[in-house]
Protein backbone atom coordinates (compact mmCIF):
# COMPACT_ATOMS: atom_id res chain seq x y z
CA MET A 1 75.72 136.76 -31.90
CA ARG A 2 74.59 138.89 -29.46
CA ALA A 3 70.97 138.28 -29.65
CA LYS A 4 72.17 134.95 -28.65
CA PHE A 5 73.82 135.92 -25.86
CA VAL A 6 71.14 137.29 -24.87
CA ALA A 7 69.11 134.81 -25.18
CA ILE A 8 71.63 132.27 -22.94
CA ALA A 9 72.06 134.70 -20.44
CA THR A 10 68.11 134.77 -20.15
CA VAL A 11 67.82 131.27 -20.06
CA VAL A 12 70.22 130.96 -16.85
CA LEU A 13 69.03 134.19 -15.38
CA ALA A 14 65.41 132.66 -15.18
CA GLY A 15 67.21 129.16 -14.28
CA ALA A 16 68.59 131.03 -11.01
CA LEU A 17 65.64 132.63 -10.17
CA PHE A 18 63.77 129.65 -10.12
CA LEU A 19 66.15 127.89 -7.88
CA ALA A 20 66.03 130.73 -5.65
CA SER A 21 62.44 130.02 -5.38
CA PRO A 22 60.63 127.74 -2.60
CA VAL A 23 59.29 125.02 -5.24
CA GLY A 24 63.42 125.96 -6.57
CA SER A 25 65.00 125.92 -2.93
CA ARG A 26 63.24 122.57 -2.08
CA ILE A 27 64.38 120.45 -5.16
CA ILE A 28 68.05 121.70 -4.29
CA LYS A 29 67.01 119.90 -0.70
CA LEU A 30 65.74 117.08 -2.22
CA LEU A 31 68.62 116.45 -4.43
CA SER A 32 70.62 117.02 -0.86
CA TRP A 33 72.26 113.99 1.11
CA ASP A 34 70.43 115.27 3.76
CA GLU A 35 67.54 115.14 2.79
CA GLN A 36 67.89 111.82 0.90
CA ILE A 37 69.25 110.61 4.68
CA GLU A 38 65.77 112.05 6.07
CA ALA A 39 63.37 110.76 3.48
CA ASN A 40 65.36 107.07 4.10
CA ALA A 41 64.52 106.95 7.48
CA GLU A 42 61.00 108.23 6.74
CA LYS A 43 59.72 105.54 4.55
CA MET A 44 61.95 102.87 6.33
CA LEU A 45 59.94 104.18 9.61
CA GLY A 46 56.55 103.23 7.88
CA GLU A 47 57.61 99.99 5.47
CA GLY A 48 59.17 98.19 9.46
CA ARG A 49 56.02 100.07 11.19
CA GLN A 50 53.22 98.40 8.72
CA THR A 51 55.45 94.99 8.83
CA PHE A 52 55.69 94.42 12.53
CA ARG A 53 52.02 94.81 12.68
CA PHE A 54 50.01 93.15 9.72
CA ASP A 55 52.91 91.19 7.60
CA THR A 56 52.75 87.36 8.25
CA PHE A 57 55.53 86.38 6.23
CA GLY A 58 53.23 83.66 4.49
CA ASP A 59 53.48 82.09 7.47
CA GLU A 60 49.73 81.48 7.42
CA ALA A 61 50.89 78.54 4.79
CA PHE A 62 51.68 76.81 8.49
CA TRP A 63 49.22 78.27 10.94
CA GLY A 64 46.20 77.93 8.76
CA GLY A 65 47.23 75.75 6.38
CA MET A 66 48.67 72.99 8.41
CA LEU A 67 47.70 73.42 11.43
CA GLN A 68 44.19 74.48 10.71
CA LEU A 69 44.28 76.96 13.82
CA HIS A 70 41.50 79.02 11.29
CA GLN A 71 39.27 76.17 11.91
CA ALA A 72 39.12 76.05 15.42
CA ILE A 73 38.87 79.65 15.85
CA GLN A 74 35.83 80.47 13.44
CA GLY A 75 34.17 77.39 14.96
CA ALA A 76 31.66 74.98 13.78
CA GLN A 77 29.30 77.04 12.74
CA PHE A 78 30.92 78.82 10.08
CA GLY A 79 32.47 75.77 8.79
CA GLY A 80 35.50 75.02 11.38
CA VAL A 81 35.20 72.37 14.15
CA GLY A 82 34.43 73.35 17.85
CA PRO A 83 32.78 76.05 19.66
CA GLY A 84 35.00 78.95 17.85
CA LEU A 85 37.02 81.04 19.53
CA SER A 86 34.61 84.38 21.21
CA PRO A 87 36.05 88.18 21.77
CA SER A 88 35.40 87.25 25.33
CA ALA A 89 37.42 84.31 25.20
CA ALA A 90 40.34 85.63 22.55
CA LEU A 91 40.57 88.75 25.04
CA ALA A 92 40.90 86.40 28.14
CA LEU A 93 43.95 84.35 26.78
CA GLY A 94 45.19 87.68 26.09
CA LEU A 95 44.20 88.75 22.10
CA LYS A 96 44.27 92.19 22.22
CA VAL A 97 42.29 94.39 19.96
CA ASP A 98 43.35 98.05 18.42
CA VAL A 99 40.17 99.95 18.12
CA ASP A 100 41.36 102.06 15.88
CA ALA A 101 41.16 100.23 13.29
CA LEU A 102 37.34 99.24 13.92
CA PRO A 103 34.61 101.19 12.42
CA SER A 104 32.86 103.98 13.94
CA ASN A 105 29.70 102.40 14.47
CA VAL A 106 30.95 99.24 16.51
CA VAL A 107 33.33 101.12 18.71
CA GLN A 108 30.36 102.99 19.81
CA GLN A 109 28.15 99.69 19.97
CA LEU A 110 31.08 98.36 22.36
CA ARG A 111 31.02 101.58 24.78
CA HIS A 112 27.38 100.66 24.71
CA GLY A 113 27.91 97.24 25.68
CA ARG A 114 25.62 96.28 22.45
CA VAL A 115 28.28 93.03 21.68
CA ASP A 116 27.92 89.70 22.00
CA LEU A 117 30.96 88.95 23.30
CA ASN A 118 30.38 85.50 23.33
CA ASP A 119 29.68 84.80 19.76
CA PRO A 120 32.72 83.37 18.00
CA ALA A 121 30.88 85.70 14.29
CA VAL A 122 32.10 89.02 16.13
CA THR A 123 35.50 87.39 16.19
CA LEU A 124 35.35 86.64 12.87
CA LEU A 125 34.12 90.58 12.37
CA LEU A 126 37.05 91.68 14.54
CA LEU A 127 39.36 90.28 12.51
CA ARG A 128 37.89 91.84 8.32
CA HIS A 129 39.20 95.04 10.01
CA ASP A 130 42.57 93.98 11.33
CA ALA A 131 41.54 94.97 14.92
CA VAL A 132 43.23 91.78 16.61
CA LEU A 133 46.91 92.41 17.24
CA GLY A 134 49.66 90.33 16.09
CA VAL A 135 46.71 88.03 14.17
CA LYS A 136 45.67 88.38 10.98
CA GLY A 137 42.91 86.21 8.60
CA PHE A 138 42.68 85.06 5.28
CA PHE A 139 39.27 85.24 3.91
CA ASN A 140 37.06 83.20 1.40
CA GLY A 141 35.79 86.34 0.77
CA GLY A 142 32.17 86.24 3.05
CA ASN A 143 32.69 85.55 6.21
CA THR A 144 34.64 82.22 6.33
CA LEU A 145 37.97 82.07 7.61
CA GLN A 146 39.89 79.97 4.63
CA SER A 147 43.14 80.51 6.48
CA VAL A 148 45.30 82.22 10.38
CA GLY A 149 48.71 83.74 10.21
CA ILE A 150 50.64 86.10 12.83
CA THR A 151 53.13 89.13 13.03
CA CYS A 152 55.21 90.52 15.56
CA ALA A 153 52.77 92.22 17.15
CA LEU A 154 51.19 89.48 18.60
CA CYS A 155 54.10 88.60 21.34
CA HIS A 156 55.37 92.17 21.32
CA SER A 157 52.22 94.26 21.98
CA THR A 158 49.79 95.26 23.42
CA VAL A 159 47.01 98.36 23.57
CA ASP A 160 45.90 101.31 26.04
CA ASP A 161 42.43 99.78 27.39
CA SER A 162 41.42 102.66 26.52
CA LEU A 163 37.68 101.60 25.55
CA THR A 164 37.67 98.10 28.21
CA THR A 165 40.24 95.41 29.09
CA GLY A 166 42.01 94.20 26.01
CA VAL A 167 40.76 97.19 23.21
CA GLY A 168 42.00 100.08 22.96
CA HIS A 169 45.12 101.82 21.22
CA ARG A 170 48.22 100.04 20.26
CA LEU A 171 51.73 99.56 22.08
CA ASP A 172 53.71 98.76 20.04
CA GLY A 173 57.07 97.16 21.29
CA TRP A 174 55.21 96.23 24.91
CA ALA A 175 55.59 92.84 25.86
CA SER A 176 52.36 91.70 26.25
CA ARG A 177 52.98 89.49 29.37
CA ASP A 178 48.77 89.06 29.62
CA LEU A 179 48.99 86.56 25.62
CA ASN A 180 48.78 82.93 26.58
CA VAL A 181 50.73 81.55 23.04
CA GLY A 182 50.60 77.79 24.26
CA GLU A 183 47.40 77.73 24.58
CA ILE A 184 46.31 79.62 21.34
CA VAL A 185 48.86 77.31 19.94
CA ALA A 186 46.44 74.03 21.22
CA LEU A 187 43.40 75.09 20.26
CA ALA A 188 45.22 74.40 16.40
CA PRO A 189 42.83 70.74 15.48
CA ASP A 190 46.58 69.41 14.13
CA LEU A 191 49.36 69.47 15.81
CA SER A 192 50.86 66.84 13.68
CA PRO A 193 53.99 69.66 12.52
CA PHE A 194 55.04 69.98 16.55
CA SER A 195 54.39 65.91 17.22
CA ASN A 196 56.29 64.56 14.64
CA LEU A 197 58.95 67.20 14.73
CA LEU A 198 59.94 66.46 18.43
CA GLY A 199 59.19 62.94 18.26
CA VAL A 200 56.00 63.07 20.76
CA SER A 201 51.79 62.54 21.13
CA GLN A 202 49.62 65.57 19.92
CA ASP A 203 48.12 64.86 23.50
CA THR A 204 51.73 65.59 24.61
CA VAL A 205 52.86 68.63 22.40
CA ARG A 206 49.91 69.90 23.71
CA THR A 207 50.15 69.02 27.39
CA VAL A 208 53.75 70.76 27.13
CA LEU A 209 52.49 74.25 25.92
CA ARG A 210 49.64 74.62 28.16
CA SER A 211 52.56 74.28 30.63
CA TRP A 212 54.25 77.88 29.85
CA GLY A 213 51.33 80.16 31.27
CA PRO A 214 50.53 83.41 29.93
CA GLY A 215 53.10 86.02 28.60
CA LYS A 216 55.98 83.60 28.30
CA PHE A 217 56.65 81.33 25.01
CA ASP A 218 59.62 78.61 24.16
CA ALA A 219 61.74 79.32 21.00
CA GLU A 220 64.37 76.72 22.09
CA LEU A 221 61.74 73.97 22.11
CA ILE A 222 62.07 73.28 18.74
CA LEU A 223 65.87 73.03 18.47
CA ASP A 224 66.16 71.00 21.44
CA GLY A 225 63.40 69.05 22.60
CA LYS A 226 64.00 70.49 26.30
CA ALA A 227 60.15 71.06 27.90
CA PHE A 228 60.64 71.39 31.66
CA ASN A 229 63.98 72.44 33.66
CA PRO A 230 64.51 69.82 36.21
CA GLN A 231 66.23 72.38 38.38
CA GLN A 232 65.45 75.21 39.56
CA ILE A 233 68.70 77.06 41.35
CA SER A 234 68.57 80.44 42.56
CA ASN A 235 71.58 81.78 44.97
CA GLY A 236 72.69 77.30 45.32
CA VAL A 237 69.01 77.26 46.73
CA VAL A 238 66.51 74.59 44.53
CA THR A 239 63.70 77.55 44.25
CA GLY A 240 61.49 74.68 41.95
CA THR A 241 61.50 71.30 40.33
CA ASN A 242 60.45 70.77 36.48
CA VAL A 243 59.92 74.21 35.68
CA SER A 244 58.45 75.35 32.10
CA ALA A 245 61.24 76.37 30.18
CA ALA A 246 59.23 78.77 28.27
CA THR A 247 60.77 82.51 28.99
CA LEU A 248 58.83 85.74 29.65
CA ILE A 249 57.82 87.59 26.48
CA PRO A 250 60.53 90.85 26.96
CA PRO A 251 59.85 93.72 25.15
CA ALA A 252 61.10 95.19 21.99
CA PHE A 253 60.83 98.64 23.12
CA GLY A 254 64.59 100.31 24.45
CA LEU A 255 67.16 98.62 21.90
CA ALA A 256 68.58 100.81 20.78
CA GLY A 257 72.51 100.90 21.03
CA VAL A 258 71.50 97.75 23.18
CA ASN A 259 73.57 95.10 21.28
CA LEU A 260 72.67 91.94 22.17
CA HIS A 261 69.07 90.53 21.88
CA THR A 262 67.11 88.13 24.19
CA TRP A 263 67.60 86.46 27.27
CA THR A 264 70.39 84.12 26.39
CA GLY A 265 71.63 87.08 23.43
CA TRP A 266 71.43 84.60 20.52
CA GLY A 267 72.40 87.41 18.25
CA SER A 268 71.32 91.46 16.93
CA VAL A 269 67.68 92.19 16.91
CA THR A 270 67.98 91.71 13.18
CA HIS A 271 69.47 87.56 13.38
CA TRP A 272 66.72 87.37 15.99
CA ASN A 273 64.08 89.02 14.25
CA ALA A 274 65.57 86.15 11.30
CA PHE A 275 65.87 83.58 13.42
CA VAL A 276 61.93 84.66 14.55
CA ALA A 277 60.39 84.86 11.23
CA ASN A 278 61.46 82.15 9.72
CA LEU A 279 61.83 78.52 12.94
CA GLU A 280 58.80 80.14 15.35
CA MET A 281 56.31 82.09 12.85
CA HIS A 282 57.59 79.68 9.60
CA GLY A 283 57.14 82.26 7.99
CA SER A 284 58.56 81.56 4.13
CA GLY A 285 62.17 82.97 3.54
CA THR A 286 65.82 82.17 4.77
CA PHE A 287 68.27 81.62 7.86
CA PHE A 288 71.95 81.17 8.37
CA ASP A 289 73.24 80.15 11.33
CA PRO A 290 75.54 77.32 11.63
CA ARG A 291 75.63 77.09 15.15
CA LEU A 292 72.91 75.04 15.21
CA ASN A 293 74.19 71.92 13.22
CA ASP A 294 75.27 71.47 16.77
CA ALA A 295 73.35 67.93 17.45
CA ALA A 296 74.36 67.81 21.05
CA LYS A 297 73.16 71.22 21.86
CA PHE A 298 70.38 71.38 19.50
CA PRO A 299 69.81 67.48 18.41
CA ILE A 300 65.92 69.02 16.85
CA ALA A 301 67.53 71.40 14.60
CA ALA A 302 70.13 69.75 13.21
CA ALA A 303 68.16 67.55 12.30
CA ASN A 304 66.34 69.25 10.19
CA GLY A 305 68.29 72.23 8.45
CA PHE A 306 67.40 74.61 10.63
CA GLY A 307 70.44 76.28 10.99
CA ASN A 308 70.04 77.18 6.37
CA VAL A 309 66.97 77.69 5.96
CA ARG A 310 66.00 78.36 2.42
CA ASN A 311 62.68 79.52 0.35
CA THR A 312 61.17 80.44 -2.53
CA PRO A 313 59.54 83.28 -2.66
CA ASP A 314 62.31 85.17 0.63
CA LEU A 315 59.53 86.71 2.17
CA ILE A 316 61.15 87.82 4.81
CA THR A 317 64.81 89.05 4.02
CA PRO A 318 63.34 92.31 2.29
CA LYS A 319 61.47 93.04 5.29
CA LEU A 320 64.25 93.23 7.84
CA PRO A 321 66.15 96.37 7.42
CA ALA A 322 62.59 98.20 7.76
CA LEU A 323 62.02 95.99 11.01
CA HIS A 324 65.01 96.14 12.62
CA PHE A 325 65.08 100.34 11.72
CA TYR A 326 61.80 100.25 12.95
CA GLN A 327 62.45 98.63 16.74
CA LEU A 328 65.05 100.82 16.78
CA ALA A 329 62.72 103.65 16.85
CA ILE A 330 60.44 102.48 19.99
CA PRO A 331 61.33 104.51 23.12
CA ALA A 332 61.08 103.07 26.21
CA PRO A 333 57.60 104.90 27.57
CA GLN A 334 57.95 107.06 30.47
CA PRO A 335 56.91 105.68 34.03
CA PRO A 336 52.83 107.55 35.01
CA SER A 337 52.56 109.84 36.95
CA GLY A 338 52.39 108.67 40.64
CA SER A 339 53.34 105.55 39.73
CA PHE A 340 56.42 105.43 42.18
CA ASP A 341 57.84 108.18 44.84
CA SER A 342 60.12 110.05 43.86
CA ALA A 343 61.75 111.04 46.72
CA ALA A 344 62.55 107.36 47.22
CA ALA A 345 63.80 107.08 43.70
CA SER A 346 66.64 109.77 43.67
CA ARG A 347 67.99 108.24 46.85
CA GLY A 348 67.90 104.51 45.12
CA GLN A 349 69.36 106.10 42.19
CA VAL A 350 72.26 106.90 44.78
CA VAL A 351 71.61 103.46 45.73
CA PHE A 352 72.56 102.07 41.94
CA ASP A 353 75.57 104.03 41.48
CA THR A 354 77.32 103.18 44.47
CA LYS A 355 76.23 100.35 47.24
CA ALA A 356 74.71 98.02 45.05
CA GLN A 357 77.37 98.35 42.11
CA CYS A 358 74.47 98.29 39.53
CA ASP A 359 75.51 100.26 37.22
CA SER A 360 78.70 98.41 36.49
CA CYS A 361 76.69 96.44 34.80
CA HIS A 362 73.59 98.40 34.09
CA VAL A 363 75.08 101.24 32.69
CA PRO A 364 73.21 104.22 32.31
CA PRO A 365 71.88 105.16 29.73
CA LEU A 366 71.28 102.29 28.10
CA PHE A 367 71.61 100.32 31.55
CA THR A 368 72.95 97.08 29.72
CA GLU A 369 76.78 97.32 28.60
CA PRO A 370 78.02 98.97 25.34
CA GLY A 371 79.39 95.99 24.34
CA TRP A 372 79.08 92.26 24.31
CA ASN A 373 76.49 92.31 27.63
CA MET A 374 76.79 88.91 28.83
CA HIS A 375 77.66 87.08 32.00
CA THR A 376 77.84 83.55 33.19
CA PRO A 377 75.45 81.85 35.37
CA ALA A 378 77.77 81.67 37.78
CA GLN A 379 78.44 85.27 37.94
CA ILE A 380 74.38 86.05 38.62
CA CYS A 381 74.00 83.29 40.98
CA VAL A 382 71.37 80.67 38.57
CA ASP A 383 71.29 78.22 37.31
CA ASP A 384 72.92 77.43 33.70
CA PHE A 385 69.83 75.73 32.86
CA GLN A 386 68.42 78.15 30.34
CA ALA A 387 72.03 79.56 29.53
CA LYS A 388 72.64 76.17 27.99
CA ARG A 389 70.06 76.75 25.71
CA SER A 390 72.15 79.12 23.69
CA PRO A 391 75.30 79.09 21.86
CA ASP A 392 77.42 81.27 24.54
CA GLU A 393 75.90 79.47 26.84
CA HIS A 394 75.54 82.70 29.07
CA TYR A 395 72.56 85.05 30.38
CA ARG A 396 72.00 88.93 28.75
CA THR A 397 72.61 92.27 30.77
CA SER A 398 68.52 92.71 30.28
CA PRO A 399 68.18 97.23 29.56
CA LEU A 400 66.17 98.48 32.44
CA LYS A 401 64.54 101.36 31.16
CA GLY A 402 60.09 100.32 30.94
CA LEU A 403 60.38 97.75 34.01
CA TRP A 404 56.82 99.16 35.48
CA THR A 405 55.24 98.21 32.18
CA HIS A 406 56.31 94.23 32.05
CA GLN A 407 56.13 93.69 36.21
CA LYS A 408 53.43 91.32 35.98
CA GLY A 409 54.42 87.36 35.16
CA GLY A 410 57.92 88.10 37.16
CA PHE A 411 61.81 88.68 36.20
CA PHE A 412 64.61 87.89 35.33
CA HIS A 413 64.47 84.91 32.12
CA ASP A 414 62.06 82.40 33.46
CA GLY A 415 60.15 84.83 35.75
CA ARG A 416 61.14 83.57 38.78
CA PHE A 417 61.22 86.00 41.16
CA PRO A 418 57.54 88.02 41.19
CA THR A 419 58.71 91.20 42.21
CA LEU A 420 61.57 93.37 41.55
CA LEU A 421 62.05 93.62 45.55
CA ASP A 422 62.42 89.81 45.42
CA VAL A 423 65.68 90.55 42.49
CA VAL A 424 67.50 93.37 44.70
CA ASN A 425 67.26 90.33 47.32
CA HIS A 426 68.46 87.82 45.20
CA TYR A 427 72.10 90.43 44.45
CA ASN A 428 72.37 91.42 48.11
CA THR A 429 72.59 88.07 48.36
CA CYS A 430 74.78 86.83 45.37
CA PHE A 431 76.84 89.69 45.64
CA GLY A 432 77.27 90.31 49.32
CA LEU A 433 76.07 93.87 49.43
CA GLY A 434 74.96 94.55 53.10
CA LEU A 435 71.78 96.59 52.16
CA THR A 436 69.36 97.87 54.84
CA ASN A 437 65.73 97.37 54.28
CA GLN A 438 65.46 100.84 53.76
CA GLU A 439 67.75 100.77 50.69
CA LYS A 440 66.38 97.49 49.03
CA SER A 441 63.10 99.69 49.08
CA ASP A 442 64.74 103.14 47.49
CA LEU A 443 66.26 100.73 44.87
CA VAL A 444 62.92 99.49 43.92
CA GLU A 445 61.20 103.16 44.00
CA TYR A 446 64.12 103.94 41.11
CA LEU A 447 64.17 101.04 38.98
CA LYS A 448 60.31 101.51 38.45
CA SER A 449 61.45 104.87 37.74
CA LEU A 450 63.40 104.05 34.38
């Protein structure tokens, strides 16, 4: 009995010593709930980044299989159609190249100007290396494209131009305000899926696509068929007629703590990711939003059952949690040193918080309202065209952090105000603020500093 007791005691002591050791302590930690949370966060961050950058959700069946976009990219030289898409033409359309995805020898050749940027074969090389942001090529084993798909990064990433214009390190979450989505889609040889859906000719579809311009996209076109805003109004004044219905591509950073997403607040980030992946990217998944069954507001969506989409296999739904997590982890970038007047910005902050009353809606540090951050068109003195294309017919209070990254293309949902000063002047008139020119200038500097 004594020997048995000693043996048990020895085992217990050995176990205790092991658990007290570094290896044993780690095992204890791994079994703790905090460690499980941290491990899950790290896992979701990595999976979400991969999804954001490279997952097509099976949409190559649409962009390549139906529209045959890959045939226009590779050109007749490689079995496609037309001249093909050269790197110089791709860069002119706002497509970006990830320098970190390229072999070192290719980087050196690019750095010394030894790459023929007018050769579509180089575009195929870039696609084989997954170096074109948001565009994924599927190859036949050789140099010929079999299909092409798109990812979230197409519209919501850019590069830092560290190698040359349009070629550099990835900047996930930044709005791609150079990207001419409409012109890229218009390259597709077969636009019949859109023309059949909208009930117009392919030529008409191309005209509409080309009306969007750089940095804009019209997500509601396939829901209501409205291609142009008949009257753009600000502060009761008509500022444009038959303006493209496309809206500016928003940034996908700084969204942690922000409730509704998109200019007109369709839903949360997760809702919009599911919406876009299924209806805009044309991936294979599941999407449910019965608001799209409203035939008066969304005649095309209602007629085609877009309010209840079911696909097998579902390549989207399993990816939404990690994708959401990654997007919420992307912070708004800090403005570069020297990009604004610090003294003026300090004075502008006082104007923002007091006389201009900006902080009543753009509540720091979120710079939008906590909660249901929406307003009627009348409350912000603009027309209701875009608002009426959404379920709640309101405009969202957009977060202001990182404004300096997306000044190109203008401000508000449709870019109607070319500069931040134009925005300040609009609200000065709308709310009768009585700001002086100095206060306006200081306020602009503060907005640039966020």
